[in-house]
Amino acid sequence: MTAWKSKRTTLGSAGLLAVAALTWAVGVHAQNPARLPELPSTPLISPSPAEGELLPPLVLDDPEVQPAQFSRPLPSGLVTPSRTVADPAAPMVRIQVRVPADAPPGDDVKYAIIVTNTSQADAHAVTVRNPLTDSVAGVVKSDPPPDEKLSTPKQLFWSFGTLKPGESKSITLVLKPKPDAKELKNLAYVKFEHGEQVITRINKPTLKVTKVAPKQAVRDEPFVVLLAVDNTGKVPAENVRIVENVDRSAEFQAITTGGKRGVAEANQWVWEFPKLMPGERKIIEFRVTPHQAADSNTMTVAEAKNVLEKAETRTQVLVGGISVNLSGPNGIVAPGDVAKYEITVRNTGTLPSTNVRISGTIPSDCKATMKTDGGQLYRDQIVWTVPRLEPGEGVSMRFGLKANTTGRRVVVASALDGRQQRSSEELATLFQGTAALVWETVPDPVAIAVDQRGTFSIRVKNNGGEAARNVRIEIELPDAVGFHQSTPSVNPVGRTIVFPADVIDAYGEKIYTVTYQAKQSAQAWFKVKMTADSLGDRPMTAEKSVEITGSR
């Protein structure tokens, strides 16, 4: 059975034919008719219409026709309706005719015709037809009267319209038989209409394209785009073709198999599907690696017969960037002064920088004298760690260096973030070194007898990177000793020995010695003073004693 857009009307599908051809029983009196047997309840199929009889015309949207969609399986390839509706119940109409089995000659014959809707559905256009045989002389009575428009001298019609479930209609018909009639046959027919209306909508396929891509991505790092194509219509979409266009500057990699390259210079890929059934979905994944710091666009075109859908995604491509600026002293750093440096690190990209490691080197022969809090001091560098720098955000670190030697020192500042973005800058500084004098006075021995000789040594060491100039050692001898000789050789002035001005090279050392002779028992104190250009107006002084025992 095929679903029609128009109303399908079944005529006579449940018509009942009841034939009452009852004869008078021999030997039975007309006043005591025998009990008629019940007619079978199963309706007979209505016979074909008599010649010249027309069926009622097919009427669309008839209010008496019940709409229904077929619930039986549809042919292969057609769309299964989203909702299955069972056929409505079919009506069943029964006709019964009651008449005496026998009648005396000359009497009228009375018929009782009963029409009943024995089903649970409405029966429409119920019509009773009663043809009159040649044995009938005429109609004596009919209640209700027959339909004048349809009835003829040879055939009576009654129209009852719609019979509700369980409803009955009765006809009382009295016929006069002809005088010579031996028997009177009468046939009564019932006819009704029952129809079902179904609708088939003519729809074209509908495609829906859904794309999911990240709003932001990082340059040179791949991201995945998820594409879903759905047939949201009610009919299949034939020859579906999905075309994906990606920026030429980006690298494309198909994850879903079956794709093929389209226009190569346009960075285009194509997937094709012979058919997409209603409600069916196709998922396509691909990977995009942007290589430019600009928005990455992907355009999808899904097409089938009479269908064209587009979808576009836009992903902001972020780039990491970091800059370093190192500032320091201008000109020459004076001896003993601290060279102060500042490292400024700024995020110059559009992507946040995390775990930023900032370092400043410590050249050889230099010593760190100060640093910004948080810096870790290592042998040759100072390191700070910044957890996060937003785009455009900057941070500054400061530290100071001191050098003991003259020379050009190069300081390097660098920054490295978690994505291995690196930047650095270096700065050369000229340091003027200083001398660093230390000394040691050593009497040998520390105890001596009268008339014995001893030595008093001064060991001077320059721990600085510059030569110590105009180094002068002056020794004042105690009264209890007498001068014997000195190294270097000098002549005392009174009890004071003054060594000539000397130069001690960087990291150099010199020893000054005085040999003396003990003259009398006493605790003899030696007084020593050292001056030099590097000491300025603050000379170094010391006193050491020697114990002299015995007498002459």
Protein backbone atom coordinates (compact mmCIF):
# COMPACT_ATOMS: atom_id res chain seq x y z
CA MET A 1 0.00 0.00 0.00
CA THR A 2 1.41 3.36 -0.97
CA ALA A 3 1.15 6.53 1.08
CA TRP A 4 -0.73 9.22 -0.82
CA LYS A 5 -0.63 12.94 -0.35
CA SER A 6 -4.34 13.03 -1.11
CA LYS A 7 -7.06 11.28 0.79
CA ARG A 8 -7.40 7.59 0.20
CA THR A 9 -11.03 6.50 0.32
CA THR A 10 -12.04 2.90 0.56
CA LEU A 11 -15.51 2.33 -0.69
CA GLY A 12 -17.47 -0.69 0.24
CA SER A 13 -14.52 -2.16 2.12
CA ALA A 14 -16.75 -3.09 4.99
CA GLY A 15 -20.13 -3.14 3.28
CA LEU A 16 -22.50 -5.82 4.38
CA LEU A 17 -24.80 -7.69 2.17
CA ALA A 18 -27.77 -9.28 3.81
CA VAL A 19 -30.20 -11.09 1.58
CA ALA A 20 -33.62 -11.71 3.00
CA ALA A 21 -35.25 -14.17 0.72
CA LEU A 22 -37.68 -15.66 3.05
CA THR A 23 -40.54 -17.92 1.97
CA TRP A 24 -43.68 -18.85 3.73
CA ALA A 25 -43.26 -22.18 5.45
CA VAL A 26 -45.80 -24.79 4.46
CA GLY A 27 -48.16 -25.64 7.29
CA VAL A 28 -47.23 -22.71 9.43
CA HIS A 29 -49.88 -20.08 10.08
CA ALA A 30 -49.03 -16.48 9.22
CA GLN A 31 -50.18 -15.29 12.63
CA ASN A 32 -47.63 -17.55 14.39
CA PRO A 33 -44.46 -17.05 12.39
CA ALA A 34 -41.53 -19.30 13.17
CA ARG A 35 -38.47 -17.80 14.92
CA LEU A 36 -36.08 -16.61 12.28
CA PRO A 37 -32.49 -17.79 12.55
CA GLU A 38 -29.93 -15.10 13.35
CA LEU A 39 -28.08 -13.87 10.31
CA PRO A 40 -24.34 -14.33 10.44
CA SER A 41 -22.63 -11.41 12.12
CA THR A 42 -19.70 -11.52 9.74
CA PRO A 43 -20.36 -8.94 7.03
CA LEU A 44 -20.16 -9.85 3.41
CA ILE A 45 -18.23 -7.76 0.94
CA SER A 46 -20.47 -5.36 -0.87
CA PRO A 47 -20.97 -6.37 -4.48
CA SER A 48 -19.77 -4.21 -7.27
CA PRO A 49 -22.05 -1.30 -8.04
CA ALA A 50 -24.83 -2.02 -10.43
CA GLU A 51 -24.41 -0.94 -13.97
CA GLY A 52 -24.86 2.78 -14.22
CA GLU A 53 -24.37 3.33 -10.50
CA LEU A 54 -21.60 5.85 -9.75
CA LEU A 55 -19.27 5.80 -6.77
CA PRO A 56 -19.14 8.97 -4.66
CA PRO A 57 -16.40 11.31 -5.85
CA LEU A 58 -13.03 11.36 -4.01
CA VAL A 59 -13.05 14.39 -1.71
CA LEU A 60 -9.82 15.81 -0.20
CA ASP A 61 -9.77 16.92 3.41
CA ASP A 62 -13.12 15.25 4.06
CA PRO A 63 -13.96 15.79 7.76
CA GLU A 64 -15.42 12.30 7.85
CA VAL A 65 -12.11 10.73 6.83
CA GLN A 66 -9.70 9.87 9.65
CA PRO A 67 -6.07 10.95 8.98
CA ALA A 68 -3.49 8.25 9.58
CA GLN A 69 0.11 7.55 8.57
CA PHE A 70 0.98 4.00 7.63
CA SER A 71 2.80 2.08 10.30
CA ARG A 72 3.98 -0.71 8.02
CA PRO A 73 7.64 -0.64 6.85
CA LEU A 74 8.41 1.77 4.03
CA PRO A 75 10.34 0.78 0.92
CA SER A 76 14.12 0.74 1.26
CA GLY A 77 15.74 4.16 0.89
CA LEU A 78 12.76 6.18 2.10
CA VAL A 79 12.81 8.13 5.30
CA THR A 80 11.23 6.46 8.27
CA PRO A 81 8.73 8.89 9.81
CA SER A 82 9.82 10.33 13.09
CA ARG A 83 6.55 9.18 14.72
CA THR A 84 4.72 5.89 13.98
CA VAL A 85 0.92 6.19 13.99
CA ALA A 86 -1.28 3.09 13.98
CA ASP A 87 -4.18 2.82 11.55
CA PRO A 88 -7.51 3.85 13.08
CA ALA A 89 -10.07 1.19 13.80
CA ALA A 90 -12.14 0.11 10.77
CA PRO A 91 -15.94 0.37 10.99
CA MET A 92 -18.20 -2.67 10.57
CA VAL A 93 -21.90 -2.29 9.69
CA ARG A 94 -24.44 -5.11 9.92
CA ILE A 95 -27.85 -5.33 8.26
CA GLN A 96 -30.63 -7.64 9.46
CA VAL A 97 -34.04 -8.29 7.82
CA ARG A 98 -36.97 -9.77 9.72
CA VAL A 99 -40.20 -11.00 8.05
CA PRO A 100 -42.78 -13.77 8.68
CA ALA A 101 -41.92 -17.03 7.06
CA ASP A 102 -45.48 -17.42 5.69
CA ALA A 103 -48.33 -15.11 4.78
CA PRO A 104 -51.89 -15.75 3.50
CA PRO A 105 -52.76 -14.73 -0.04
CA GLY A 106 -53.76 -11.10 -0.38
CA ASP A 107 -52.07 -9.93 2.86
CA ASP A 108 -49.37 -7.27 2.87
CA VAL A 109 -45.93 -8.39 3.93
CA LYS A 110 -44.22 -6.35 6.63
CA TYR A 111 -40.40 -6.23 6.80
CA ALA A 112 -38.20 -4.98 9.65
CA ILE A 113 -34.79 -3.87 8.35
CA ILE A 114 -32.19 -3.12 11.07
CA VAL A 115 -28.80 -1.47 10.34
CA THR A 116 -26.23 -1.54 13.20
CA ASN A 117 -22.67 -0.22 13.52
CA THR A 118 -21.08 -3.09 15.45
CA SER A 119 -17.56 -1.59 15.51
CA GLN A 120 -15.69 1.03 17.54
CA ALA A 121 -15.33 3.42 14.58
CA ASP A 122 -17.67 5.78 12.83
CA ALA A 123 -19.28 4.52 9.62
CA HIS A 124 -19.86 7.31 7.12
CA ALA A 125 -22.37 7.72 4.28
CA VAL A 126 -24.43 4.72 5.38
CA THR A 127 -26.95 3.85 2.69
CA VAL A 128 -29.53 1.04 2.54
CA ARG A 129 -30.66 -0.13 -0.88
CA ASN A 130 -33.71 -2.38 -1.35
CA PRO A 131 -34.47 -3.50 -4.92
CA LEU A 132 -38.13 -4.51 -5.67
CA THR A 133 -38.68 -7.79 -7.50
CA ASP A 134 -41.35 -8.43 -10.12
CA SER A 135 -43.47 -10.16 -7.46
CA VAL A 136 -44.08 -6.83 -5.71
CA ALA A 137 -47.22 -5.00 -6.71
CA GLY A 138 -46.29 -1.88 -4.78
CA VAL A 139 -45.04 -0.25 -1.61
CA VAL A 140 -47.72 0.07 0.99
CA LYS A 141 -45.69 1.81 3.70
CA SER A 142 -42.11 2.88 4.50
CA ASP A 143 -40.98 4.33 7.80
CA PRO A 144 -38.87 6.32 7.39
CA PRO A 145 -39.74 7.22 3.83
CA PRO A 146 -37.13 6.37 1.21
CA ASP A 147 -34.91 9.01 -0.32
CA GLU A 148 -36.90 10.47 -3.18
CA LYS A 149 -33.83 11.68 -5.08
CA LEU A 150 -32.22 8.26 -5.17
CA SER A 151 -35.21 5.96 -5.19
CA THR A 152 -36.91 4.62 -8.35
CA PRO A 153 -40.04 2.48 -8.87
CA LYS A 154 -37.81 -0.58 -8.87
CA GLN A 155 -35.35 0.37 -6.12
CA LEU A 156 -35.63 2.09 -2.73
CA PHE A 157 -32.81 4.00 -0.99
CA TRP A 158 -32.44 5.26 2.55
CA SER A 159 -29.56 7.55 3.56
CA PHE A 160 -28.53 7.63 7.24
CA GLY A 161 -25.31 9.63 7.10
CA THR A 162 -22.89 8.68 9.87
CA LEU A 163 -23.53 5.85 12.30
CA LYS A 164 -21.63 6.16 15.55
CA PRO A 165 -20.19 3.05 17.21
CA GLY A 166 -23.07 0.86 18.47
CA GLU A 167 -25.74 3.06 16.79
CA SER A 168 -28.67 1.39 14.96
CA LYS A 169 -31.27 2.50 12.43
CA SER A 170 -34.58 0.66 11.74
CA ILE A 171 -36.73 0.66 8.62
CA THR A 172 -40.31 -0.61 8.53
CA LEU A 173 -41.24 -1.60 4.97
CA VAL A 174 -44.65 -2.99 3.97
CA LEU A 175 -44.95 -4.48 0.46
CA LYS A 176 -48.01 -5.70 -1.42
CA PRO A 177 -47.36 -8.89 -3.39
CA LYS A 178 -49.06 -9.46 -6.75
CA PRO A 179 -52.18 -11.64 -6.63
CA ASP A 180 -50.54 -14.47 -8.51
CA ALA A 181 -47.33 -14.42 -6.50
CA LYS A 182 -46.36 -17.74 -4.98
CA GLU A 183 -43.48 -16.28 -2.92
CA LEU A 184 -42.01 -12.88 -2.26
CA LYS A 185 -38.24 -12.42 -2.25
CA ASN A 186 -36.67 -9.25 -0.90
CA LEU A 187 -32.97 -8.35 -0.75
CA ALA A 188 -31.63 -5.47 1.32
CA TYR A 189 -28.07 -4.09 0.99
CA VAL A 190 -26.14 -1.78 3.22
CA LYS A 191 -23.25 0.37 2.02
CA PHE A 192 -20.97 2.74 3.88
CA GLU A 193 -17.69 4.58 3.46
CA HIS A 194 -14.47 4.34 5.42
CA GLY A 195 -11.30 6.16 4.44
CA GLU A 196 -7.81 7.02 5.67
CA GLN A 197 -5.94 10.16 4.76
CA VAL A 198 -2.14 10.35 4.73
CA ILE A 199 0.20 13.23 3.81
CA THR A 200 3.64 13.06 2.29
CA ARG A 201 5.61 16.29 2.51
CA ILE A 202 8.03 17.12 -0.24
CA ASN A 203 11.24 18.22 1.52
CA LYS A 204 14.72 18.91 0.28
CA PRO A 205 17.69 17.72 2.36
CA THR A 206 19.02 20.10 4.99
CA LEU A 207 22.65 20.21 6.09
CA LYS A 208 23.92 21.77 9.27
CA VAL A 209 27.63 22.48 9.72
CA THR A 210 29.06 22.86 13.22
CA LYS A 211 32.71 23.73 13.83
CA VAL A 212 34.67 23.82 17.04
CA ALA A 213 38.10 25.48 17.14
CA PRO A 214 40.05 27.13 19.95
CA LYS A 215 39.62 30.86 20.27
CA GLN A 216 43.34 31.27 20.78
CA ALA A 217 46.41 29.33 19.71
CA VAL A 218 50.16 29.80 19.75
CA ARG A 219 52.22 30.40 16.66
CA ASP A 220 54.04 27.29 15.40
CA GLU A 221 52.01 25.10 17.75
CA PRO A 222 49.24 22.90 16.23
CA PHE A 223 45.60 23.03 17.27
CA VAL A 224 42.70 20.71 16.37
CA VAL A 225 39.50 21.74 14.56
CA LEU A 226 36.42 19.53 14.94
CA LEU A 227 33.83 19.64 12.15
CA ALA A 228 30.37 18.03 12.34
CA VAL A 229 28.02 17.81 9.33
CA ASP A 230 24.43 16.77 10.16
CA ASN A 231 21.52 15.97 7.88
CA THR A 232 18.75 17.70 9.81
CA GLY A 233 16.21 17.15 7.08
CA LYS A 234 13.82 14.25 6.48
CA VAL A 235 15.20 12.96 3.20
CA PRO A 236 18.67 11.66 2.32
CA ALA A 237 21.33 14.09 1.10
CA GLU A 238 23.04 12.68 -1.98
CA ASN A 239 26.68 13.19 -3.02
CA VAL A 240 27.71 15.28 -0.03
CA ARG A 241 30.96 17.15 -0.62
CA ILE A 242 32.79 18.92 2.22
CA VAL A 243 35.50 21.40 1.28
CA GLU A 244 37.85 22.85 3.90
CA ASN A 245 39.91 25.96 3.14
CA VAL A 246 42.78 26.95 5.42
CA ASP A 247 45.10 29.97 5.42
CA ARG A 248 47.98 29.49 3.03
CA SER A 249 50.47 30.41 5.73
CA ALA A 250 49.24 27.59 7.97
CA GLU A 251 50.17 23.93 7.83
CA PHE A 252 47.24 21.50 7.39
CA GLN A 253 47.15 17.88 8.56
CA ALA A 254 44.06 15.69 8.13
CA ILE A 255 43.17 13.46 11.08
CA THR A 256 39.98 11.96 9.62
CA THR A 257 40.86 9.58 6.81
CA GLY A 258 39.33 9.80 3.36
CA GLY A 259 40.26 13.40 2.67
CA LYS A 260 42.07 14.42 -0.47
CA ARG A 261 43.82 17.60 -1.48
CA GLY A 262 41.75 20.08 -3.46
CA VAL A 263 43.26 23.20 -4.93
CA ALA A 264 46.83 22.91 -3.68
CA GLU A 265 47.73 26.56 -3.92
CA ALA A 266 44.61 27.41 -1.91
CA ASN A 267 45.50 24.95 0.90
CA GLN A 268 42.22 23.11 0.33
CA TRP A 269 41.08 19.63 1.35
CA VAL A 270 37.95 17.71 0.31
CA TRP A 271 35.89 14.87 1.83
CA GLU A 272 33.08 13.20 -0.15
CA PHE A 273 30.22 10.98 1.04
CA PRO A 274 27.78 9.24 -1.34
CA LYS A 275 24.80 9.64 0.98
CA LEU A 276 23.96 11.20 4.31
CA MET A 277 20.76 9.80 5.79
CA PRO A 278 18.36 11.93 7.87
CA GLY A 279 19.73 12.33 11.37
CA GLU A 280 23.12 11.00 10.31
CA ARG A 281 26.27 12.87 11.29
CA LYS A 282 29.76 12.89 9.85
CA ILE A 283 32.68 13.98 12.04
CA ILE A 284 35.85 15.38 10.50
CA GLU A 285 38.98 16.36 12.43
CA PHE A 286 42.07 18.08 11.20
CA ARG A 287 45.10 19.80 12.67
CA VAL A 288 46.26 23.34 11.84
CA THR A 289 49.69 24.77 12.63
CA PRO A 290 49.77 28.57 12.18
CA HIS A 291 53.05 30.18 11.23
CA GLN A 292 52.04 33.83 11.33
CA ALA A 293 51.05 36.13 14.16
CA ALA A 294 47.61 36.81 12.72
CA ASP A 295 44.11 35.36 12.98
CA SER A 296 43.91 31.86 11.53
CA ASN A 297 40.71 31.37 9.51
CA THR A 298 39.20 28.09 8.33
CA MET A 299 36.23 28.07 5.93
CA THR A 300 34.02 25.01 5.44
CA VAL A 301 31.66 24.57 2.50
CA ALA A 302 29.24 21.60 2.68
CA GLU A 303 27.25 20.98 -0.49
CA ALA A 304 24.82 18.41 -1.80
CA LYS A 305 22.04 18.52 -4.38
CA ASN A 306 20.20 21.82 -3.91
CA VAL A 307 22.00 22.39 -0.59
CA LEU A 308 24.91 24.68 0.25
CA GLU A 309 26.03 25.47 3.80
CA LYS A 310 29.08 27.35 5.05
CA ALA A 311 30.82 27.68 8.40
CA GLU A 312 33.88 29.65 9.44
CA THR A 313 36.13 29.65 12.49
CA ARG A 314 38.57 32.31 13.54
CA THR A 315 41.43 31.56 15.91
CA GLN A 316 43.61 34.31 17.33
CA VAL A 317 47.25 33.32 16.96
CA LEU A 318 49.31 34.44 19.92
CA VAL A 319 53.06 34.88 19.88
CA GLY A 320 55.55 34.84 22.68
CA GLY A 321 58.02 37.68 22.96
CA ILE A 322 60.44 38.89 25.57
CA SER A 323 62.91 41.75 25.63
CA VAL A 324 65.83 42.58 27.91
CA ASN A 325 67.34 45.98 28.56
CA LEU A 326 70.53 46.30 30.62
CA SER A 327 71.64 49.65 31.96
CA GLY A 328 74.79 50.35 33.97
CA PRO A 329 77.43 52.96 34.83
CA ASN A 330 78.67 55.42 32.23
CA GLY A 331 82.42 56.00 31.99
CA ILE A 332 85.05 54.55 34.29
CA VAL A 333 84.18 53.10 37.69
CA ALA A 334 86.52 54.68 40.21
CA PRO A 335 88.64 52.47 42.41
CA GLY A 336 86.60 51.01 45.22
CA ASP A 337 83.28 52.21 43.77
CA VAL A 338 80.33 49.86 43.12
CA ALA A 339 79.06 49.56 39.58
CA LYS A 340 75.26 49.48 39.70
CA TYR A 341 73.23 47.64 37.03
CA GLU A 342 69.51 47.36 36.24
CA ILE A 343 67.89 44.61 34.15
CA THR A 344 64.45 45.41 32.70
CA VAL A 345 62.55 42.46 31.22
CA ARG A 346 59.30 43.03 29.31
CA ASN A 347 56.79 40.69 27.67
CA THR A 348 56.58 42.03 24.12
CA GLY A 349 54.32 39.25 22.78
CA THR A 350 50.59 38.56 22.96
CA LEU A 351 51.03 35.39 24.96
CA PRO A 352 51.64 35.36 28.73
CA SER A 353 55.19 34.40 29.68
CA THR A 354 55.54 31.96 32.55
CA ASN A 355 58.49 30.84 34.66
CA VAL A 356 60.66 33.68 33.43
CA ARG A 357 64.29 33.17 34.48
CA ILE A 358 66.26 36.44 34.64
CA SER A 359 70.03 36.36 35.13
CA GLY A 360 72.91 38.77 35.33
CA THR A 361 76.50 37.52 35.02
CA ILE A 362 79.29 38.24 37.50
CA PRO A 363 82.57 38.63 35.57
CA SER A 364 85.74 37.16 36.93
CA ASP A 365 87.62 39.37 39.44
CA CYS A 366 84.26 40.97 40.35
CA LYS A 367 82.18 40.56 43.44
CA ALA A 368 78.44 41.13 43.89
CA THR A 369 77.81 43.70 46.58
CA MET A 370 74.03 44.12 46.31
CA LYS A 371 70.98 42.58 44.59
CA THR A 372 67.20 42.90 44.41
CA ASP A 373 65.39 40.63 46.85
CA GLY A 374 64.65 37.17 45.53
CA GLY A 375 67.86 36.83 43.57
CA GLN A 376 69.86 33.66 44.02
CA LEU A 377 73.61 34.24 44.09
CA TYR A 378 75.77 31.70 42.29
CA ARG A 379 79.47 31.61 41.50
CA ASP A 380 79.25 33.54 38.25
CA GLN A 381 75.68 34.92 38.12
CA ILE A 382 72.65 36.19 39.98
CA VAL A 383 69.30 34.57 39.05
CA TRP A 384 65.70 35.73 39.64
CA THR A 385 62.52 33.79 38.76
CA VAL A 386 59.27 35.54 37.84
CA PRO A 387 56.23 33.19 37.78
CA ARG A 388 54.22 35.09 35.14
CA LEU A 389 54.44 38.16 32.92
CA GLU A 390 51.30 39.26 31.12
CA PRO A 391 51.57 40.76 27.61
CA GLY A 392 53.07 44.24 27.92
CA GLU A 393 54.05 43.73 31.55
CA GLY A 394 57.63 44.39 32.66
CA VAL A 395 59.82 43.84 35.70
CA SER A 396 63.17 45.30 36.84
CA MET A 397 66.02 43.76 38.83
CA ARG A 398 69.07 45.58 40.24
CA PHE A 399 72.50 44.46 41.40
CA GLY A 400 75.93 45.93 42.08
CA LEU A 401 79.47 44.74 41.27
CA LYS A 402 82.86 45.72 42.58
CA ALA A 403 86.24 44.97 40.96
CA ASN A 404 89.66 45.10 42.55
CA THR A 405 91.56 45.20 39.30
CA THR A 406 91.60 47.60 36.45
CA GLY A 407 90.07 46.33 33.27
CA ARG A 408 87.07 46.02 30.97
CA ARG A 409 84.38 43.75 32.28
CA VAL A 410 81.38 42.54 30.23
CA VAL A 411 78.11 41.95 32.07
CA VAL A 412 75.42 39.90 30.27
CA ALA A 413 71.71 40.09 31.21
CA SER A 414 69.34 37.45 29.82
CA ALA A 415 65.77 36.20 30.19
CA LEU A 416 64.30 32.79 29.35
CA ASP A 417 60.62 31.83 29.75
CA GLY A 418 58.83 28.51 29.93
CA ARG A 419 58.33 28.38 26.15
CA GLN A 420 62.07 28.83 25.61
CA GLN A 421 61.67 32.41 24.41
CA ARG A 422 65.06 33.98 25.00
CA SER A 423 66.52 37.47 24.92
CA SER A 424 69.77 38.97 26.18
CA GLU A 425 71.86 42.12 26.21
CA GLU A 426 75.41 42.84 27.32
CA LEU A 427 77.18 45.90 28.64
CA ALA A 428 80.93 46.56 28.98
CA THR A 429 82.22 48.48 32.01
CA LEU A 430 85.73 49.82 32.61
CA PHE A 431 86.79 49.36 36.23
CA GLN A 432 89.69 51.19 37.85
CA GLY A 433 91.23 48.67 40.26
CA THR A 434 92.69 49.31 43.74
CA ALA A 435 95.54 47.96 45.77
CA ALA A 436 94.67 46.02 48.86
CA LEU A 437 97.57 46.00 51.33
CA VAL A 438 97.86 43.67 54.27
CA TRP A 439 100.88 43.14 56.50
CA GLU A 440 102.32 40.95 59.17
CA THR A 441 104.99 41.88 61.83
CA VAL A 442 107.08 39.01 63.13
CA PRO A 443 109.74 39.33 65.91
CA ASP A 444 112.18 36.42 65.94
CA PRO A 445 112.67 35.34 68.61
CA VAL A 446 110.04 36.75 70.90
CA ALA A 447 112.39 36.39 73.89
CA ILE A 448 116.11 37.09 73.82
CA ALA A 449 119.02 37.41 76.22
CA VAL A 450 121.17 40.47 76.57
CA ASP A 451 123.92 40.74 73.96
CA GLN A 452 122.10 38.35 71.58
CA ARG A 453 120.83 39.34 68.19
CA GLY A 454 117.31 39.11 66.85
CA THR A 455 115.27 40.13 63.81
CA PHE A 456 112.08 42.02 63.35
CA SER A 457 110.38 41.38 59.96
CA ILE A 458 107.49 43.16 58.24
CA ARG A 459 105.80 41.15 55.46
CA VAL A 460 103.61 43.34 53.18
CA LYS A 461 101.24 41.74 50.67
CA ASN A 462 99.11 43.40 47.99
CA ASN A 463 95.89 41.43 47.58
CA GLY A 464 94.48 43.97 45.14
CA GLY A 465 94.54 43.97 41.39
CA GLU A 466 96.44 47.20 41.16
CA ALA A 467 100.01 47.92 42.19
CA ALA A 468 100.42 49.61 45.54
CA ARG A 469 102.49 52.73 45.01
CA ASN A 470 104.60 54.79 47.44
CA VAL A 471 104.62 52.10 50.05
CA ARG A 472 106.74 53.31 53.01
CA ILE A 473 107.63 51.27 56.08
CA GLU A 474 108.80 53.10 59.22
CA ILE A 475 110.14 51.28 62.32
CA GLU A 476 110.87 52.91 65.67
CA LEU A 477 113.38 50.83 67.66
CA PRO A 478 113.00 50.50 71.44
CA ASP A 479 115.75 51.90 73.75
CA ALA A 480 116.74 48.42 74.95
CA VAL A 481 118.11 47.37 71.53
CA GLY A 482 120.76 48.59 69.16
CA PHE A 483 120.54 48.71 65.34
CA HIS A 484 122.74 46.25 63.51
CA GLN A 485 121.50 46.16 59.84
CA SER A 486 118.35 46.17 57.63
CA THR A 487 117.07 44.69 54.41
CA PRO A 488 116.76 46.66 52.23
CA SER A 489 119.74 48.47 53.65
CA VAL A 490 119.03 51.88 55.14
CA ASN A 491 120.68 54.12 57.68
CA PRO A 492 118.58 54.91 60.74
CA VAL A 493 117.85 58.43 61.76
CA GLY A 494 118.12 58.36 65.49
CA ARG A 495 116.08 55.39 66.59
CA THR A 496 113.84 55.46 63.48
CA ILE A 497 114.38 53.38 60.39
CA VAL A 498 112.54 54.57 57.26
CA PHE A 499 112.58 52.35 54.21
CA PRO A 500 112.43 54.17 50.88
CA ALA A 501 109.12 54.41 48.93
CA ASP A 502 108.40 51.22 47.07
CA VAL A 503 105.92 49.72 44.60
CA ILE A 504 104.28 46.38 45.35
CA ASP A 505 102.76 44.80 42.28
CA ALA A 506 99.22 43.45 42.23
CA TYR A 507 99.12 40.29 44.27
CA GLY A 508 102.80 40.87 45.04
CA GLU A 509 104.64 40.68 48.31
CA LYS A 510 107.72 42.28 49.92
CA ILE A 511 109.57 41.68 53.20
CA TYR A 512 111.37 44.29 55.25
CA THR A 513 113.84 43.09 57.96
CA VAL A 514 115.76 44.81 60.79
CA THR A 515 118.52 43.02 62.70
CA TYR A 516 119.11 44.32 66.23
CA GLN A 517 121.21 43.48 69.34
CA ALA A 518 119.73 43.34 72.84
CA LYS A 519 121.46 45.73 75.20
CA GLN A 520 119.61 45.48 78.51
CA SER A 521 116.94 43.53 80.24
CA ALA A 522 113.47 44.95 79.43
CA GLN A 523 110.25 44.44 77.53
CA ALA A 524 111.19 46.10 74.28
CA TRP A 525 108.36 47.47 72.12
CA PHE A 526 108.83 47.89 68.34
CA LYS A 527 106.51 50.46 66.71
CA VAL A 528 105.75 50.06 62.98
CA LYS A 529 103.84 52.35 60.55
CA MET A 530 103.00 51.84 56.86
CA THR A 531 101.79 54.48 54.40
CA ALA A 532 100.84 54.18 50.71
CA ASP A 533 98.82 55.95 48.07
CA SER A 534 96.08 53.35 48.38
CA LEU A 535 95.86 53.97 52.12
CA GLY A 536 95.39 57.68 51.70
CA ASP A 537 95.55 59.60 54.99
CA ARG A 538 94.90 56.51 57.06
CA PRO A 539 98.24 54.74 57.61
CA MET A 540 98.48 51.30 59.14
CA THR A 541 100.26 50.97 62.54
CA ALA A 542 101.27 48.13 64.80
CA GLU A 543 103.29 47.42 67.99
CA LYS A 544 105.09 44.21 68.91
CA SER A 545 107.23 43.47 72.01
CA VAL A 546 110.31 41.33 72.58
CA GLU A 547 111.24 40.08 76.09
CA ILE A 548 114.95 40.73 76.87
CA THR A 549 116.41 38.88 79.85
CA GLY A 550 119.73 38.77 81.70
CA SER A 551 122.36 41.47 82.31
CA ARG A 552 125.89 42.35 81.38
